[in-house]
């Protein structure tokens, strides 16, 4: 039996010449559905990989920004102990404001606060990836960023509060 979509109201070149508009044989019916069913797992895997890549690059940028802010906060401090405390609190605040959830956050400071010297801050953050188990990535990964900030040449070393 030959299938035809030609009717009395159809005016196409195929119908006028007595040919059917159907171009694919019946044995190929349903092949598009099969192709879709087979390609869905690949598409889901690609979507998960894009999610992983986006999350890692975004977290890396946020951690670098937190290291930059922490180094700047450390250089405006008056002592090395307050510089370490300011760097840690600034890095934690920057990460929580950016929405990066990482435990633990490690902040290390290095350098002196003498005018013209450099204070560097290293921020390490363990990012959880348990929700991306489909990709078989490790459950956590540690990202580290380091930033160095110069201490202002024209700052005073003594405390000038109240003047």
N, C-alpha and C. Protein backbone atom coordinates (compact mmCIF):
# COMPACT_ATOMS: atom_id res chain seq x y z
N UNK A 1 0.83 -1.16 0.00
CA UNK A 1 0.00 0.00 0.00
C UNK A 1 0.89 1.24 0.00
N UNK A 2 0.61 2.16 -0.81
CA UNK A 2 1.38 3.39 -0.93
C UNK A 2 0.63 4.51 -0.22
N UNK A 3 1.37 5.20 0.62
CA UNK A 3 0.77 6.30 1.39
C UNK A 3 0.85 7.58 0.58
N UNK A 4 -0.20 8.31 0.57
CA UNK A 4 -0.23 9.56 -0.18
C UNK A 4 -0.95 10.62 0.64
N UNK A 5 -0.42 11.81 0.59
CA UNK A 5 -1.06 12.93 1.27
C UNK A 5 -1.80 13.82 0.27
N UNK A 6 -1.93 13.37 -0.91
CA UNK A 6 -2.61 14.15 -1.94
C UNK A 6 -4.12 14.00 -1.76
N UNK A 7 -4.79 15.08 -1.85
CA UNK A 7 -6.25 15.05 -1.77
C UNK A 7 -6.80 16.00 -2.83
N UNK A 8 -8.08 16.14 -2.85
CA UNK A 8 -8.69 17.04 -3.84
C UNK A 8 -8.33 18.49 -3.58
N UNK A 9 -8.01 18.83 -2.35
CA UNK A 9 -7.72 20.22 -2.00
C UNK A 9 -6.23 20.53 -1.99
N UNK A 10 -5.40 19.56 -2.22
CA UNK A 10 -3.95 19.78 -2.21
C UNK A 10 -3.50 20.14 -3.60
N UNK A 11 -2.76 21.23 -3.69
CA UNK A 11 -2.24 21.65 -4.99
C UNK A 11 -0.72 21.77 -4.90
N UNK A 12 -0.05 20.72 -5.10
CA UNK A 12 1.41 20.76 -5.11
C UNK A 12 1.89 20.06 -6.38
N UNK A 13 3.15 20.28 -6.71
CA UNK A 13 3.71 19.70 -7.93
C UNK A 13 3.76 18.18 -7.83
N UNK A 14 4.01 17.65 -6.65
CA UNK A 14 4.08 16.20 -6.48
C UNK A 14 2.71 15.57 -6.70
N UNK A 15 1.67 16.22 -6.23
CA UNK A 15 0.32 15.65 -6.38
C UNK A 15 -0.16 15.74 -7.82
N UNK A 16 0.21 16.83 -8.50
CA UNK A 16 -0.23 16.99 -9.88
C UNK A 16 0.39 15.95 -10.80
N UNK A 17 1.57 15.47 -10.45
CA UNK A 17 2.23 14.46 -11.29
C UNK A 17 1.97 13.06 -10.80
N UNK A 18 1.12 12.90 -9.82
CA UNK A 18 0.77 11.59 -9.35
C UNK A 18 1.77 10.97 -8.39
N UNK A 19 2.69 11.77 -7.86
CA UNK A 19 3.66 11.26 -6.90
C UNK A 19 3.23 11.64 -5.49
N UNK A 20 3.65 10.86 -4.57
CA UNK A 20 3.34 11.12 -3.17
C UNK A 20 4.32 12.16 -2.62
N UNK A 21 3.88 12.94 -1.63
CA UNK A 21 4.76 13.92 -0.99
C UNK A 21 5.70 13.26 0.01
N UNK A 22 5.43 12.03 0.39
CA UNK A 22 6.28 11.34 1.34
C UNK A 22 7.60 11.01 0.65
N UNK A 23 8.69 11.45 1.25
CA UNK A 23 10.00 11.24 0.63
C UNK A 23 10.77 10.11 1.30
N UNK A 24 10.48 9.83 2.60
CA UNK A 24 11.20 8.76 3.28
C UNK A 24 10.39 7.47 3.22
N UNK A 25 11.06 6.36 3.04
CA UNK A 25 10.34 5.09 3.08
C UNK A 25 9.83 4.80 4.49
N UNK A 26 8.84 3.94 4.58
CA UNK A 26 8.23 3.62 5.87
C UNK A 26 9.19 2.90 6.81
N UNK A 27 10.20 2.23 6.32
CA UNK A 27 11.11 1.50 7.18
C UNK A 27 11.96 2.46 8.04
N UNK A 28 12.05 3.74 7.69
CA UNK A 28 12.78 4.72 8.47
C UNK A 28 11.89 5.44 9.48
N UNK A 29 10.66 5.08 9.57
CA UNK A 29 9.75 5.73 10.52
C UNK A 29 10.22 5.46 11.94
N UNK A 30 10.27 6.49 12.75
CA UNK A 30 10.70 6.35 14.14
C UNK A 30 12.19 6.49 14.35
N UNK A 31 12.97 6.69 13.31
CA UNK A 31 14.41 6.80 13.48
C UNK A 31 14.78 8.12 14.16
N UNK A 32 14.02 9.16 13.95
CA UNK A 32 14.30 10.44 14.61
C UNK A 32 14.09 10.30 16.12
N UNK A 33 13.09 9.56 16.53
CA UNK A 33 12.84 9.33 17.94
C UNK A 33 13.99 8.54 18.56
N UNK A 34 14.45 7.53 17.88
CA UNK A 34 15.57 6.73 18.36
C UNK A 34 16.84 7.58 18.48
N UNK A 35 17.10 8.42 17.49
CA UNK A 35 18.27 9.30 17.55
C UNK A 35 18.17 10.25 18.74
N UNK A 36 16.99 10.77 19.01
CA UNK A 36 16.79 11.67 20.14
C UNK A 36 17.02 10.94 21.46
N UNK A 37 16.48 9.73 21.58
CA UNK A 37 16.65 8.96 22.81
C UNK A 37 18.11 8.62 23.04
N UNK A 38 18.85 8.32 22.00
CA UNK A 38 20.26 7.99 22.15
C UNK A 38 21.13 9.22 22.42
N UNK A 39 20.70 10.37 21.96
CA UNK A 39 21.53 11.57 22.16
C UNK A 39 21.25 12.29 23.48
N UNK A 40 20.16 11.99 24.17
CA UNK A 40 19.84 12.66 25.43
C UNK A 40 20.91 12.44 26.50
N UNK A 41 21.44 11.23 26.73
CA UNK A 41 22.50 11.10 27.74
C UNK A 41 23.75 11.92 27.41
N UNK A 42 24.09 12.01 26.15
CA UNK A 42 25.25 12.80 25.75
C UNK A 42 24.99 14.28 26.04
N UNK A 43 23.79 14.75 25.76
CA UNK A 43 23.44 16.15 26.03
C UNK A 43 23.44 16.44 27.52
N UNK A 44 22.97 15.51 28.34
CA UNK A 44 22.97 15.70 29.79
C UNK A 44 24.41 15.74 30.31
N UNK A 45 25.27 14.88 29.79
CA UNK A 45 26.67 14.88 30.19
C UNK A 45 27.35 16.19 29.80
N UNK A 46 27.06 16.69 28.62
CA UNK A 46 27.64 17.96 28.19
C UNK A 46 27.16 19.11 29.06
N UNK A 47 25.90 19.11 29.46
CA UNK A 47 25.36 20.14 30.33
C UNK A 47 26.03 20.09 31.70
N UNK A 48 26.24 18.89 32.24
CA UNK A 48 26.93 18.75 33.53
C UNK A 48 28.38 19.23 33.42
N UNK A 49 29.04 18.94 32.32
CA UNK A 49 30.43 19.40 32.13
C UNK A 49 30.49 20.92 32.03
N UNK A 50 29.54 21.53 31.34
CA UNK A 50 29.51 22.99 31.27
C UNK A 50 29.25 23.60 32.64
N UNK A 51 28.41 22.96 33.43
CA UNK A 51 28.16 23.43 34.79
C UNK A 51 29.42 23.35 35.63
N UNK A 52 30.15 22.25 35.53
CA UNK A 52 31.41 22.08 36.26
C UNK A 52 32.42 23.15 35.84
N UNK A 53 32.58 23.35 34.54
CA UNK A 53 33.55 24.32 34.05
C UNK A 53 33.19 25.73 34.50
N UNK A 54 31.92 26.07 34.43
CA UNK A 54 31.49 27.39 34.85
C UNK A 54 31.66 27.60 36.34
N UNK A 55 31.36 26.59 37.12
CA UNK A 55 31.51 26.72 38.57
C UNK A 55 32.98 26.86 38.96
N UNK A 56 33.85 26.09 38.34
CA UNK A 56 35.27 26.16 38.69
C UNK A 56 35.88 27.50 38.28
N UNK A 57 35.57 27.98 37.09
CA UNK A 57 36.15 29.25 36.67
C UNK A 57 35.57 30.40 37.48
N UNK A 58 34.30 30.35 37.80
CA UNK A 58 33.70 31.39 38.64
C UNK A 58 34.27 31.40 40.04
N UNK A 59 34.44 30.23 40.62
CA UNK A 59 35.01 30.15 41.97
C UNK A 59 36.46 30.62 41.97
N UNK A 60 37.20 30.27 40.93
CA UNK A 60 38.60 30.70 40.85
C UNK A 60 38.68 32.24 40.77
N UNK A 61 37.81 32.85 39.99
CA UNK A 61 37.81 34.31 39.89
C UNK A 61 37.44 34.96 41.23
N UNK A 62 36.46 34.39 41.92
CA UNK A 62 36.04 34.95 43.20
C UNK A 62 37.15 34.81 44.25
N UNK A 63 37.88 33.71 44.23
CA UNK A 63 38.97 33.51 45.18
C UNK A 63 40.14 34.45 44.88
N UNK A 64 40.41 34.70 43.61
CA UNK A 64 41.44 35.68 43.26
C UNK A 64 41.04 37.08 43.70
N UNK A 65 39.76 37.41 43.55
CA UNK A 65 39.27 38.71 44.01
C UNK A 65 39.37 38.82 45.53
N UNK A 66 39.06 37.75 46.24
CA UNK A 66 39.17 37.76 47.71
C UNK A 66 40.62 37.94 48.14
N UNK A 67 41.56 37.33 47.43
CA UNK A 67 42.98 37.50 47.75
C UNK A 67 43.42 38.94 47.50
N UNK A 68 42.92 39.55 46.44
CA UNK A 68 43.23 40.94 46.14
C UNK A 68 42.71 41.86 47.25
N UNK A 69 41.45 41.67 47.65
CA UNK A 69 40.87 42.50 48.70
C UNK A 69 41.59 42.28 50.04
N UNK A 70 41.94 41.04 50.33
CA UNK A 70 42.62 40.73 51.59
C UNK A 70 44.01 41.36 51.63
N UNK A 71 44.73 41.34 50.52
CA UNK A 71 46.06 41.96 50.48
C UNK A 71 45.97 43.46 50.68
N UNK A 72 44.99 44.07 50.09
CA UNK A 72 44.81 45.52 50.26
C UNK A 72 44.45 45.84 51.71
N UNK A 73 43.60 45.04 52.32
CA UNK A 73 43.22 45.26 53.72
C UNK A 73 44.42 45.06 54.64
N UNK A 74 45.30 44.14 54.30
CA UNK A 74 46.48 43.90 55.13
C UNK A 74 47.46 45.06 55.07
N UNK A 75 47.59 45.70 53.91
CA UNK A 75 48.58 46.78 53.78
C UNK A 75 48.16 48.06 54.47
N UNK A 76 46.89 48.23 54.79
CA UNK A 76 46.47 49.44 55.49
C UNK A 76 46.45 49.24 57.01
N UNK A 77 46.84 48.07 57.46
CA UNK A 77 46.89 47.79 58.90
C UNK A 77 48.15 48.39 59.50
N UNK A 78 48.18 48.48 60.85
CA UNK A 78 49.32 49.09 61.55
C UNK A 78 50.29 48.06 62.11
N UNK A 79 49.86 46.81 62.28
CA UNK A 79 50.76 45.77 62.80
C UNK A 79 50.55 44.49 62.01
N UNK A 80 51.53 43.59 62.08
CA UNK A 80 51.41 42.34 61.32
C UNK A 80 50.30 41.45 61.86
N UNK A 81 50.05 41.50 63.18
CA UNK A 81 48.95 40.67 63.72
C UNK A 81 47.60 41.21 63.26
N UNK A 82 47.44 42.54 63.26
CA UNK A 82 46.17 43.09 62.76
C UNK A 82 46.06 42.93 61.25
N UNK A 83 47.21 42.91 60.55
CA UNK A 83 47.19 42.69 59.10
C UNK A 83 46.67 41.29 58.79
N UNK A 84 47.12 40.30 59.55
CA UNK A 84 46.65 38.92 59.34
C UNK A 84 45.16 38.81 59.67
N UNK A 85 44.73 39.45 60.75
CA UNK A 85 43.31 39.39 61.13
C UNK A 85 42.44 40.11 60.11
N UNK A 86 42.89 41.28 59.64
CA UNK A 86 42.12 42.02 58.62
C UNK A 86 42.06 41.26 57.30
N UNK A 87 43.16 40.64 56.93
CA UNK A 87 43.19 39.87 55.68
C UNK A 87 42.22 38.69 55.75
N UNK A 88 42.21 37.99 56.88
CA UNK A 88 41.31 36.85 57.02
C UNK A 88 39.85 37.27 57.00
N UNK A 89 39.50 38.29 57.76
CA UNK A 89 38.10 38.72 57.81
C UNK A 89 37.65 39.29 56.47
N UNK A 90 38.52 39.99 55.78
CA UNK A 90 38.17 40.53 54.46
C UNK A 90 37.99 39.42 53.44
N UNK A 91 38.86 38.43 53.44
CA UNK A 91 38.74 37.32 52.50
C UNK A 91 37.46 36.53 52.76
N UNK A 92 37.15 36.24 54.02
CA UNK A 92 35.92 35.50 54.33
C UNK A 92 34.69 36.30 53.94
N UNK A 93 34.70 37.61 54.18
CA UNK A 93 33.56 38.44 53.81
C UNK A 93 33.39 38.51 52.29
N UNK A 94 34.50 38.63 51.57
CA UNK A 94 34.42 38.69 50.10
C UNK A 94 33.89 37.39 49.52
N UNK A 95 34.32 36.25 50.08
CA UNK A 95 33.86 34.96 49.57
C UNK A 95 32.39 34.72 49.89
N UNK A 96 31.96 35.08 51.10
CA UNK A 96 30.56 34.87 51.45
C UNK A 96 29.66 35.82 50.66
N UNK A 97 30.12 37.04 50.41
CA UNK A 97 29.34 37.99 49.61
C UNK A 97 29.22 37.52 48.16
N UNK A 98 30.25 36.87 47.66
CA UNK A 98 30.23 36.37 46.28
C UNK A 98 29.45 35.07 46.15
N UNK A 99 29.10 34.45 47.27
CA UNK A 99 28.34 33.21 47.22
C UNK A 99 29.18 31.96 47.07
N UNK A 100 30.47 32.06 47.32
CA UNK A 100 31.35 30.90 47.24
C UNK A 100 31.34 30.21 48.60
N UNK A 101 30.85 28.98 48.62
CA UNK A 101 30.83 28.24 49.88
C UNK A 101 32.01 27.28 49.89
N UNK A 102 32.93 27.56 50.76
CA UNK A 102 34.10 26.70 50.87
C UNK A 102 34.50 26.59 52.32
N UNK A 103 34.84 25.39 52.70
CA UNK A 103 35.31 25.12 54.06
C UNK A 103 36.49 24.20 53.97
N UNK A 104 37.55 24.42 54.59
CA UNK A 104 37.92 25.62 55.32
C UNK A 104 38.55 26.65 54.39
N UNK A 105 38.58 27.90 54.85
CA UNK A 105 39.27 28.98 54.15
C UNK A 105 40.58 29.22 54.89
N UNK A 106 41.67 29.18 54.17
CA UNK A 106 42.98 29.42 54.76
C UNK A 106 43.54 30.72 54.19
N UNK A 107 43.92 31.62 55.07
CA UNK A 107 44.49 32.90 54.65
C UNK A 107 45.86 33.04 55.30
N UNK A 108 46.90 33.19 54.50
CA UNK A 108 48.26 33.34 54.99
C UNK A 108 48.83 34.66 54.49
N UNK A 109 49.45 35.40 55.40
CA UNK A 109 50.07 36.67 55.03
C UNK A 109 51.58 36.53 55.13
N UNK A 110 52.27 37.28 54.28
CA UNK A 110 53.73 37.26 54.29
C UNK A 110 54.24 38.63 53.88
N UNK A 111 55.22 39.12 54.60
CA UNK A 111 55.81 40.41 54.29
C UNK A 111 55.83 41.31 55.50
N UNK A 112 56.29 42.53 55.29
CA UNK A 112 56.35 43.52 56.37
C UNK A 112 55.48 44.71 56.00
N UNK A 113 55.24 45.55 56.98
CA UNK A 113 54.42 46.73 56.76
C UNK A 113 55.27 48.00 56.70
N UNK A 114 56.56 47.86 56.42
CA UNK A 114 57.43 49.03 56.26
C UNK A 114 57.05 49.74 54.96
N UNK A 115 57.07 51.08 54.96
CA UNK A 115 56.74 51.81 53.73
C UNK A 115 57.64 51.38 52.57
N UNK A 116 57.01 51.08 51.44
CA UNK A 116 57.73 50.64 50.25
C UNK A 116 57.88 49.14 50.13
N UNK A 117 57.55 48.39 51.18
CA UNK A 117 57.67 46.93 51.11
C UNK A 117 56.39 46.35 50.48
N UNK A 118 56.35 45.06 50.41
CA UNK A 118 55.20 44.37 49.81
C UNK A 118 54.63 43.37 50.79
N UNK A 119 53.30 43.34 50.88
CA UNK A 119 52.59 42.36 51.71
C UNK A 119 51.83 41.44 50.75
N UNK A 120 52.07 40.15 50.88
CA UNK A 120 51.36 39.19 50.01
C UNK A 120 50.42 38.34 50.86
N UNK A 121 49.31 38.00 50.25
CA UNK A 121 48.28 37.20 50.92
C UNK A 121 47.95 36.02 50.01
N UNK A 122 47.90 34.84 50.59
CA UNK A 122 47.51 33.62 49.87
C UNK A 122 46.21 33.12 50.48
N UNK A 123 45.20 32.93 49.62
CA UNK A 123 43.90 32.44 50.06
C UNK A 123 43.70 31.06 49.43
N UNK A 124 43.43 30.07 50.27
CA UNK A 124 43.12 28.71 49.81
C UNK A 124 41.72 28.37 50.25
N UNK A 125 40.98 27.76 49.34
CA UNK A 125 39.58 27.47 49.59
C UNK A 125 39.25 26.08 49.04
N UNK A 126 38.61 25.25 49.85
CA UNK A 126 38.18 23.93 49.41
C UNK A 126 36.74 24.03 48.95
N UNK A 127 36.53 23.78 47.65
CA UNK A 127 35.22 23.89 47.03
C UNK A 127 34.59 22.51 46.93
N UNK A 128 33.32 22.40 47.32
CA UNK A 128 32.61 21.12 47.27
C UNK A 128 31.99 20.91 45.90
N UNK A 129 32.15 19.68 45.37
CA UNK A 129 31.60 19.33 44.06
C UNK A 129 30.79 18.04 44.12
N UNK A 130 30.22 17.75 45.28
CA UNK A 130 29.49 16.49 45.45
C UNK A 130 28.27 16.38 44.54
N UNK A 131 27.68 17.51 44.18
CA UNK A 131 26.48 17.45 43.35
C UNK A 131 26.79 17.16 41.88
N UNK A 132 28.05 17.10 41.51
CA UNK A 132 28.44 16.78 40.14
C UNK A 132 29.04 15.38 40.05
N UNK A 133 28.50 14.44 40.79
CA UNK A 133 29.03 13.07 40.82
C UNK A 133 28.89 12.38 39.47
N UNK A 134 27.97 12.84 38.64
CA UNK A 134 27.77 12.26 37.31
C UNK A 134 29.05 12.33 36.48
N UNK A 135 29.83 13.36 36.67
CA UNK A 135 31.07 13.54 35.90
C UNK A 135 32.24 12.77 36.47
N UNK A 136 32.08 12.18 37.63
CA UNK A 136 33.13 11.45 38.32
C UNK A 136 34.32 12.34 38.62
N UNK A 137 34.02 13.58 39.02
CA UNK A 137 35.05 14.50 39.48
C UNK A 137 35.23 14.26 40.97
N UNK A 138 36.36 14.65 41.54
CA UNK A 138 36.53 14.46 42.98
C UNK A 138 35.49 15.28 43.74
N UNK A 139 35.15 14.83 44.95
CA UNK A 139 34.12 15.49 45.74
C UNK A 139 34.49 16.89 46.17
N UNK A 140 35.78 17.16 46.33
CA UNK A 140 36.25 18.50 46.69
C UNK A 140 37.50 18.81 45.89
N UNK A 141 37.76 20.07 45.76
CA UNK A 141 39.00 20.53 45.14
C UNK A 141 39.43 21.81 45.84
N UNK A 142 40.72 21.99 45.97
CA UNK A 142 41.25 23.17 46.66
C UNK A 142 41.79 24.14 45.63
N UNK A 143 41.28 25.35 45.68
CA UNK A 143 41.72 26.42 44.80
C UNK A 143 42.54 27.42 45.62
N UNK A 144 43.62 27.90 45.05
CA UNK A 144 44.51 28.82 45.75
C UNK A 144 44.79 30.03 44.88
N UNK A 145 44.78 31.21 45.52
CA UNK A 145 45.11 32.44 44.81
C UNK A 145 46.06 33.26 45.69
N UNK A 146 46.98 33.94 45.05
CA UNK A 146 47.95 34.76 45.77
C UNK A 146 47.98 36.14 45.15
N UNK A 147 48.02 37.14 46.01
CA UNK A 147 48.10 38.51 45.51
C UNK A 147 49.04 39.29 46.40
N UNK A 148 49.85 40.15 45.81
CA UNK A 148 50.79 40.99 46.56
C UNK A 148 50.39 42.44 46.36
N UNK A 149 50.41 43.20 47.46
CA UNK A 149 50.05 44.60 47.42
C UNK A 149 51.17 45.42 48.05
N UNK A 150 51.56 46.52 47.41
CA UNK A 150 52.64 47.34 47.98
C UNK A 150 52.13 48.18 49.15
N UNK A 151 52.99 48.39 50.11
CA UNK A 151 52.68 49.27 51.23
C UNK A 151 53.03 50.68 50.79
N UNK A 152 52.14 51.62 51.07
CA UNK A 152 52.29 53.00 50.63
C UNK A 152 53.60 53.60 51.16
N UNK A 153 54.33 54.27 50.28
CA UNK A 153 55.60 54.90 50.66
C UNK A 153 55.41 56.06 51.64
N UNK A 154 54.32 56.72 51.58
CA UNK A 154 54.11 57.94 52.36
C UNK A 154 53.24 57.73 53.58
N UNK A 155 53.10 56.52 54.02
CA UNK A 155 52.30 56.28 55.22
C UNK A 155 53.21 56.37 56.44
N UNK A 156 52.59 56.72 57.56
CA UNK A 156 53.38 56.78 58.78
C UNK A 156 53.36 55.43 59.46
N UNK A 157 54.39 55.14 60.20
CA UNK A 157 54.48 53.86 60.89
C UNK A 157 53.76 53.92 62.24
N UNK A 158 53.73 55.08 62.84
CA UNK A 158 53.08 55.21 64.14
C UNK A 158 51.59 55.39 64.00
N UNK A 159 50.87 55.12 65.06
CA UNK A 159 49.43 55.25 65.07
C UNK A 159 49.06 56.72 65.23
N UNK A 160 48.26 57.26 64.33
CA UNK A 160 47.90 58.68 64.36
C UNK A 160 46.42 58.88 64.65
N UNK A 161 45.80 57.97 65.34
CA UNK A 161 44.39 58.09 65.64
C UNK A 161 44.20 59.19 66.68
N UNK A 162 43.22 60.06 66.48
CA UNK A 162 42.91 61.10 67.41
C UNK A 162 43.55 62.44 67.09
N UNK A 163 44.36 62.54 66.08
CA UNK A 163 44.97 63.82 65.72
C UNK A 163 44.15 64.55 64.72
